[in-house]
C-alpha atoms as a PDB file:
ATOM      1  CA  UNK A   1       0.000   0.000   0.000  1.00  0.00           C
ATOM      2  CA  UNK A   2       2.916   2.365   0.611  1.00  0.00           C
ATOM      3  CA  UNK A   3       4.334   1.486  -2.815  1.00  0.00           C
ATOM      4  CA  UNK A   4       0.931   2.246  -4.393  1.00  0.00           C
ATOM      5  CA  UNK A   5       0.870   5.608  -2.602  1.00  0.00           C
ATOM      6  CA  UNK A   6       4.332   6.487  -3.907  1.00  0.00           C
ATOM      7  CA  UNK A   7       3.591   5.343  -7.465  1.00  0.00           C
ATOM      8  CA  UNK A   8       0.215   7.080  -7.670  1.00  0.00           C
ATOM      9  CA  UNK A   9       1.614  10.230  -6.086  1.00  0.00           C
ATOM     10  CA  UNK A  10       4.302  10.382  -8.774  1.00  0.00           C
ATOM     11  CA  UNK A  11       1.697   9.765 -11.496  1.00  0.00           C
ATOM     12  CA  UNK A  12      -0.462  12.582 -10.126  1.00  0.00           C
ATOM     13  CA  UNK A  13       2.484  14.978 -10.000  1.00  0.00           C
ATOM     14  CA  UNK A  14       3.595  14.078 -13.540  1.00  0.00           C
ATOM     15  CA  UNK A  15       0.247  13.986 -15.349  1.00  0.00           C
ATOM     16  CA  UNK A  16      -2.145  16.120 -13.257  1.00  0.00           C
ATOM     17  CA  UNK A  17      -5.146  14.067 -14.373  1.00  0.00           C
ATOM     18  CA  UNK A  18      -7.276  11.259 -12.957  1.00  0.00           C
ATOM     19  CA  UNK A  19      -6.522  12.702  -9.518  1.00  0.00           C
ATOM     20  CA  UNK A  20      -9.797  11.462  -8.056  1.00  0.00           C
ATOM     21  CA  UNK A  21      -9.153   7.930  -9.293  1.00  0.00           C
ATOM     22  CA  UNK A  22      -5.526   7.974  -8.149  1.00  0.00           C
ATOM     23  CA  UNK A  23      -6.715   9.170  -4.743  1.00  0.00           C
ATOM     24  CA  UNK A  24      -9.316   6.402  -4.704  1.00  0.00           C
ATOM     25  CA  UNK A  25      -6.571   3.885  -5.520  1.00  0.00           C
ATOM     26  CA  UNK A  26      -4.426   5.114  -2.630  1.00  0.00           C
ATOM     27  CA  UNK A  27      -7.453   4.963  -0.322  1.00  0.00           C
ATOM     28  CA  UNK A  28      -8.276   1.453  -1.520  1.00  0.00           C
ATOM     29  CA  UNK A  29      -4.706   0.310  -0.851  1.00  0.00           C
ATOM     30  CA  UNK A  30      -4.817   1.803   2.656  1.00  0.00           C
ATOM     31  CA  UNK A  31      -8.160   0.164   3.382  1.00  0.00           C
ATOM     32  CA  UNK A  32      -6.815  -3.161   2.162  1.00  0.00           C
ATOM     33  CA  UNK A  33      -3.852  -2.762   4.531  1.00  0.00           C
ATOM     34  CA  UNK A  34      -6.287  -2.584   7.450  1.00  0.00           C
ATOM     35  CA  UNK A  35      -8.110  -5.721   6.296  1.00  0.00           C
ATOM     36  CA  UNK A  36      -4.754  -7.466   5.980  1.00  0.00           C
ATOM     37  CA  UNK A  37      -3.940  -6.613   9.603  1.00  0.00           C
ATOM     38  CA  UNK A  38      -7.140  -8.285  10.810  1.00  0.00           C
ATOM     39  CA  UNK A  39      -6.460 -11.415   8.759  1.00  0.00           C
ATOM     40  CA  UNK A  40      -2.842 -11.670   9.951  1.00  0.00           C
ATOM     41  CA  UNK A  41      -3.782 -11.187  13.590  1.00  0.00           C
ATOM     42  CA  UNK A  42      -6.636 -13.691  13.339  1.00  0.00           C
ATOM     43  CA  UNK A  43      -4.227 -16.310  12.014  1.00  0.00           C
ATOM     44  CA  UNK A  44      -1.489 -15.707  14.607  1.00  0.00           C
ATOM     45  CA  UNK A  45      -3.560 -14.950  17.744  1.00  0.00           C
ATOM     46  CA  UNK A  46      -7.330 -14.913  17.393  1.00  0.00           C
ATOM     47  CA  UNK A  47      -7.784 -13.632  20.964  1.00  0.00           C
ATOM     48  CA  UNK A  48      -6.434 -10.228  19.830  1.00  0.00           C
ATOM     49  CA  UNK A  49      -9.348  -9.654  17.445  1.00  0.00           C
ATOM     50  CA  UNK A  50     -11.836  -8.283  20.006  1.00  0.00           C
ATOM     51  CA  UNK A  51      -9.301  -5.570  20.826  1.00  0.00           C
ATOM     52  CA  UNK A  52      -8.771  -4.636  17.169  1.00  0.00           C
ATOM     53  CA  UNK A  53     -11.950  -5.316  15.185  1.00  0.00           C
ATOM     54  CA  UNK A  54     -13.787  -2.015  15.734  1.00  0.00           C
ATOM     55  CA  UNK A  55     -10.948   0.509  15.164  1.00  0.00           C
ATOM     56  CA  UNK A  56      -9.269  -1.441  12.351  1.00  0.00           C
ATOM     57  CA  UNK A  57     -12.594  -2.165  10.626  1.00  0.00           C
ATOM     58  CA  UNK A  58     -13.329   1.574  10.571  1.00  0.00           C
ATOM     59  CA  UNK A  59      -9.815   2.208   9.265  1.00  0.00           C
ATOM     60  CA  UNK A  60     -10.664  -0.239   6.460  1.00  0.00           C
ATOM     61  CA  UNK A  61     -14.302   0.579   5.692  1.00  0.00           C
ATOM     62  CA  UNK A  62     -14.079   4.367   5.324  1.00  0.00           C
ATOM     63  CA  UNK A  63     -11.389   4.265   2.593  1.00  0.00           C
ATOM     64  CA  UNK A  64     -12.968   1.268   0.855  1.00  0.00           C
ATOM     65  CA  UNK A  65     -16.425   2.860   0.686  1.00  0.00           C
ATOM     66  CA  UNK A  66     -14.979   6.214  -0.405  1.00  0.00           C
ATOM     67  CA  UNK A  67     -12.823   4.571  -3.093  1.00  0.00           C
ATOM     68  CA  UNK A  68     -15.784   2.687  -4.543  1.00  0.00           C
ATOM     69  CA  UNK A  69     -17.947   5.844  -4.512  1.00  0.00           C
ATOM     70  CA  UNK A  70     -15.223   7.848  -6.278  1.00  0.00           C
ATOM     71  CA  UNK A  71     -14.568   5.121  -8.844  1.00  0.00           C
ATOM     72  CA  UNK A  72     -18.267   4.815  -9.707  1.00  0.00           C
ATOM     73  CA  UNK A  73     -18.805   8.553 -10.119  1.00  0.00           C
ATOM     74  CA  UNK A  74     -15.557   9.611 -11.794  1.00  0.00           C
ATOM     75  CA  UNK A  75     -14.714   9.121 -15.473  1.00  0.00           C
ATOM     76  CA  UNK A  76     -11.091   8.445 -16.294  1.00  0.00           C
ATOM     77  CA  UNK A  77      -8.820   9.527 -19.101  1.00  0.00           C
ATOM     78  CA  UNK A  78      -6.173   7.160 -20.478  1.00  0.00           C
ATOM     79  CA  UNK A  79      -2.819   7.387 -18.768  1.00  0.00           C
ATOM     80  CA  UNK A  80       0.550   6.784 -20.344  1.00  0.00           C
ATOM     81  CA  UNK A  81       2.179   5.949 -17.016  1.00  0.00           C
ATOM     82  CA  UNK A  82       2.637   2.438 -15.745  1.00  0.00           C
ATOM     83  CA  UNK A  83       2.879   1.331 -12.153  1.00  0.00           C
ATOM     84  CA  UNK A  84       5.924  -0.901 -11.723  1.00  0.00           C
ATOM     85  CA  UNK A  85       4.823  -4.165 -10.143  1.00  0.00           C
ATOM     86  CA  UNK A  86       7.078  -6.754  -8.556  1.00  0.00           C
ATOM     87  CA  UNK A  87       6.381 -10.364  -7.770  1.00  0.00           C
ATOM     88  CA  UNK A  88       5.503 -10.378  -4.031  1.00  0.00           C
ATOM     89  CA  UNK A  89       6.548 -14.012  -3.658  1.00  0.00           C
ATOM     90  CA  UNK A  90      10.002 -13.769  -5.208  1.00  0.00           C
ATOM     91  CA  UNK A  91      12.784 -15.196  -3.056  1.00  0.00           C
ATOM     92  CA  UNK A  92      14.542 -11.879  -2.399  1.00  0.00           C
ATOM     93  CA  UNK A  93      11.371 -10.213  -1.113  1.00  0.00           C
ATOM     94  CA  UNK A  94      10.515 -13.226   1.042  1.00  0.00           C
ATOM     95  CA  UNK A  95      14.002 -13.338   2.573  1.00  0.00           C
ATOM     96  CA  UNK A  96      13.971  -9.598   3.207  1.00  0.00           C
ATOM     97  CA  UNK A  97      10.585  -9.787   4.916  1.00  0.00           C
ATOM     98  CA  UNK A  98      11.769 -12.780   6.961  1.00  0.00           C
ATOM     99  CA  UNK A  99      14.833 -10.829   8.095  1.00  0.00           C
ATOM    100  CA  UNK A 100      12.723  -7.815   9.100  1.00  0.00           C
ATOM    101  CA  UNK A 101      10.259 -10.071  10.910  1.00  0.00           C
ATOM    102  CA  UNK A 102      13.059 -11.858  12.805  1.00  0.00           C
ATOM    103  CA  UNK A 103      14.614  -8.547  13.785  1.00  0.00           C
ATOM    104  CA  UNK A 104      11.268  -7.255  15.020  1.00  0.00           C
ATOM    105  CA  UNK A 105      10.694 -10.406  17.118  1.00  0.00           C
ATOM    106  CA  UNK A 106      13.987  -9.656  18.865  1.00  0.00           C
ATOM    107  CA  UNK A 107      13.329  -5.911  19.136  1.00  0.00           C
ATOM    108  CA  UNK A 108       9.857  -6.421  20.628  1.00  0.00           C
ATOM    109  CA  UNK A 109      11.384  -8.440  23.477  1.00  0.00           C
ATOM    110  CA  UNK A 110      14.292  -6.023  23.889  1.00  0.00           C
ATOM    111  CA  UNK A 111      12.180  -2.855  23.881  1.00  0.00           C
ATOM    112  CA  UNK A 112       9.704  -4.412  26.304  1.00  0.00           C
ATOM    113  CA  UNK A 113      12.431  -5.383  28.755  1.00  0.00           C
ATOM    114  CA  UNK A 114      14.288  -2.068  28.458  1.00  0.00           C
ATOM    115  CA  UNK A 115      11.403   0.403  28.339  1.00  0.00           C
ATOM    116  CA  UNK A 116       8.275  -1.547  29.314  1.00  0.00           C
ATOM    117  CA  UNK A 117       5.043  -0.860  27.453  1.00  0.00           C
ATOM    118  CA  UNK A 118       6.313   2.526  26.253  1.00  0.00           C
ATOM    119  CA  UNK A 119       9.101   0.713  24.388  1.00  0.00           C
ATOM    120  CA  UNK A 120       6.557  -1.415  22.533  1.00  0.00           C
ATOM    121  CA  UNK A 121       4.627   1.697  21.545  1.00  0.00           C
ATOM    122  CA  UNK A 122       7.777   3.511  20.364  1.00  0.00           C
ATOM    123  CA  UNK A 123       8.863   0.501  18.310  1.00  0.00           C
ATOM    124  CA  UNK A 124       5.354   0.237  16.823  1.00  0.00           C
ATOM    125  CA  UNK A 125       5.360   3.901  15.817  1.00  0.00           C
ATOM    126  CA  UNK A 126       8.794   3.636  14.217  1.00  0.00           C
ATOM    127  CA  UNK A 127       7.871   0.422  12.393  1.00  0.00           C
ATOM    128  CA  UNK A 128       4.569   1.906  11.213  1.00  0.00           C
ATOM    129  CA  UNK A 129       6.398   4.561   9.233  1.00  0.00           C
ATOM    130  CA  UNK A 130       7.198   2.031   6.514  1.00  0.00           C
ATOM    131  CA  UNK A 131       5.230  -1.155   7.176  1.00  0.00           C
ATOM    132  CA  UNK A 132       2.569  -2.587   9.484  1.00  0.00           C
ATOM    133  CA  UNK A 133       2.692  -6.260   8.571  1.00  0.00           C
ATOM    134  CA  UNK A 134       5.944  -7.211  10.271  1.00  0.00           C
ATOM    135  CA  UNK A 135       5.206  -5.386  13.529  1.00  0.00           C
ATOM    136  CA  UNK A 136       1.612  -6.679  13.583  1.00  0.00           C
ATOM    137  CA  UNK A 137       2.809 -10.257  13.196  1.00  0.00           C
ATOM    138  CA  UNK A 138       5.559  -9.755  15.789  1.00  0.00           C
ATOM    139  CA  UNK A 139       3.201  -8.288  18.375  1.00  0.00           C
ATOM    140  CA  UNK A 140       0.506 -10.878  17.710  1.00  0.00           C
ATOM    141  CA  UNK A 141       3.092 -13.609  18.251  1.00  0.00           C
ATOM    142  CA  UNK A 142       4.394 -11.922  21.427  1.00  0.00           C
ATOM    143  CA  UNK A 143       0.866 -11.826  22.899  1.00  0.00           C
ATOM    144  CA  UNK A 144       0.774 -15.614  22.660  1.00  0.00           C
ATOM    145  CA  UNK A 145       3.417 -15.760  25.381  1.00  0.00           C
ATOM    146  CA  UNK A 146       3.811 -12.980  27.947  1.00  0.00           C
ATOM    147  CA  UNK A 147       2.905  -9.666  26.250  1.00  0.00           C
ATOM    148  CA  UNK A 148      -0.522  -8.492  27.481  1.00  0.00           C
ATOM    149  CA  UNK A 149      -3.230  -8.433  24.798  1.00  0.00           C
ATOM    150  CA  UNK A 150      -3.974  -4.768  25.493  1.00  0.00           C
ATOM    151  CA  UNK A 151      -0.338  -3.781  24.902  1.00  0.00           C
ATOM    152  CA  UNK A 152      -0.067  -5.847  21.705  1.00  0.00           C
ATOM    153  CA  UNK A 153      -3.338  -4.459  20.356  1.00  0.00           C
ATOM    154  CA  UNK A 154      -2.338  -0.880  21.193  1.00  0.00           C
ATOM    155  CA  UNK A 155       1.007  -1.382  19.461  1.00  0.00           C
ATOM    156  CA  UNK A 156      -0.673  -2.725  16.335  1.00  0.00           C
ATOM    157  CA  UNK A 157      -3.102   0.204  16.312  1.00  0.00           C
ATOM    158  CA  UNK A 158      -0.257   2.696  16.729  1.00  0.00           C
ATOM    159  CA  UNK A 159       1.595   1.147  13.778  1.00  0.00           C
ATOM    160  CA  UNK A 160      -1.539   1.203  11.595  1.00  0.00           C
ATOM    161  CA  UNK A 161      -2.354   4.785  12.499  1.00  0.00           C
ATOM    162  CA  UNK A 162       1.210   6.035  11.946  1.00  0.00           C
ATOM    163  CA  UNK A 163       1.245   4.241   8.589  1.00  0.00           C
ATOM    164  CA  UNK A 164      -2.054   5.886   7.616  1.00  0.00           C
ATOM    165  CA  UNK A 165      -0.692   9.340   8.465  1.00  0.00           C
ATOM    166  CA  UNK A 166       2.490   8.600   6.494  1.00  0.00           C
ATOM    167  CA  UNK A 167       0.418   7.642   3.427  1.00  0.00           C
ATOM    168  CA  UNK A 168      -1.587  10.869   3.703  1.00  0.00           C
ATOM    169  CA  UNK A 169       1.632  12.883   3.970  1.00  0.00           C
ATOM    170  CA  UNK A 170       3.275  11.040   1.059  1.00  0.00           C
ATOM    171  CA  UNK A 171       0.236  11.617  -1.143  1.00  0.00           C
ATOM    172  CA  UNK A 172       0.244  15.312  -0.228  1.00  0.00           C
ATOM    173  CA  UNK A 173       3.955  15.995  -0.646  1.00  0.00           C
ATOM    174  CA  UNK A 174       4.521  13.822  -3.704  1.00  0.00           C
ATOM    175  CA  UNK A 175       1.190  14.167  -5.494  1.00  0.00           C
ATOM    176  CA  UNK A 176       0.270  17.676  -4.408  1.00  0.00           C
ATOM    177  CA  UNK A 177      -2.755  19.263  -2.766  1.00  0.00           C
ATOM    178  CA  UNK A 178      -5.172  18.217  -5.497  1.00  0.00           C
ATOM    179  CA  UNK A 179      -4.363  14.547  -4.931  1.00  0.00           C
ATOM    180  CA  UNK A 180      -4.464  15.068  -1.166  1.00  0.00           C
ATOM    181  CA  UNK A 181      -7.991  16.399  -1.529  1.00  0.00           C
ATOM    182  CA  UNK A 182      -9.041  12.990  -2.825  1.00  0.00           C
ATOM    183  CA  UNK A 183      -7.124  10.657  -0.534  1.00  0.00           C
ATOM    184  CA  UNK A 184      -5.524  12.403   2.450  1.00  0.00           C
ATOM    185  CA  UNK A 185      -8.921  13.695   3.540  1.00  0.00           C
ATOM    186  CA  UNK A 186     -10.329  10.157   3.324  1.00  0.00           C
ATOM    187  CA  UNK A 187      -7.405   8.606   5.194  1.00  0.00           C
ATOM    188  CA  UNK A 188      -7.404  11.220   7.941  1.00  0.00           C
ATOM    189  CA  UNK A 189     -11.198  10.953   8.308  1.00  0.00           C
ATOM    190  CA  UNK A 190     -10.860   7.185   8.702  1.00  0.00           C
ATOM    191  CA  UNK A 191      -8.104   7.726  11.241  1.00  0.00           C
ATOM    192  CA  UNK A 192     -10.199  10.184  13.249  1.00  0.00           C
ATOM    193  CA  UNK A 193     -13.226   7.876  13.300  1.00  0.00           C
ATOM    194  CA  UNK A 194     -11.010   4.947  14.246  1.00  0.00           C
ATOM    195  CA  UNK A 195      -9.543   6.883  17.163  1.00  0.00           C
ATOM    196  CA  UNK A 196     -13.051   7.730  18.378  1.00  0.00           C
END
C-alpha cells in the first residue's frame, strides 16, 4: 500500500489528471492494509481480534467505501504511465521480509524489557512509518506468550495509524494538494473515526 501511494503520487504529479481515481486507488490500498492486519492477527492470535476489530474495521471501511464511490462517479482519461509491479513471492522479497520479521521479534522483546510498554509503543510507531505487517505479526506472536493483549493491540493500532498518516503525507507531498484532496482527507477521516 505504501508502494501504491508512492507510485500514484508520482503519477499525479507528472500527469495532473485522474486525480480522483488515483486518490481512490491510494485509499483502496490503505483500506486493504487494514483488512490485511485483521487477517494476519486472526491467524497468529485470534484472541487479539476483540481488541482490534472495531478501530481497524473503521480504518478499512471508510477508505474502501470512499474509493468505490469515487470510482463509480468519476470518469477516467487514459494514462501513459505504468505502475511498476514486482512479484511479491520472489525469493529476495521473502528473505527480506523474513529478516525484518526476525529482527522485530527480537526488538519487541528487547524494547519491552528495556522500556516496558512505552518501548513497545515507540517501536510500533517507528515500524509503522514504513510497514505494518511485520510489527503486527511480531506483536501478535508476542501476545501468545507474555505480552498483554492490550499492549499488543495498542502497538498494532499505533503502527496502523502512523502508517495511515504517512500515506496521507506522502500523497500530499509527492502528489500535491489536489491529490491530497481525494485521498488524504479520506485517510485522515478514517483515522479520526477509528480513534473515536
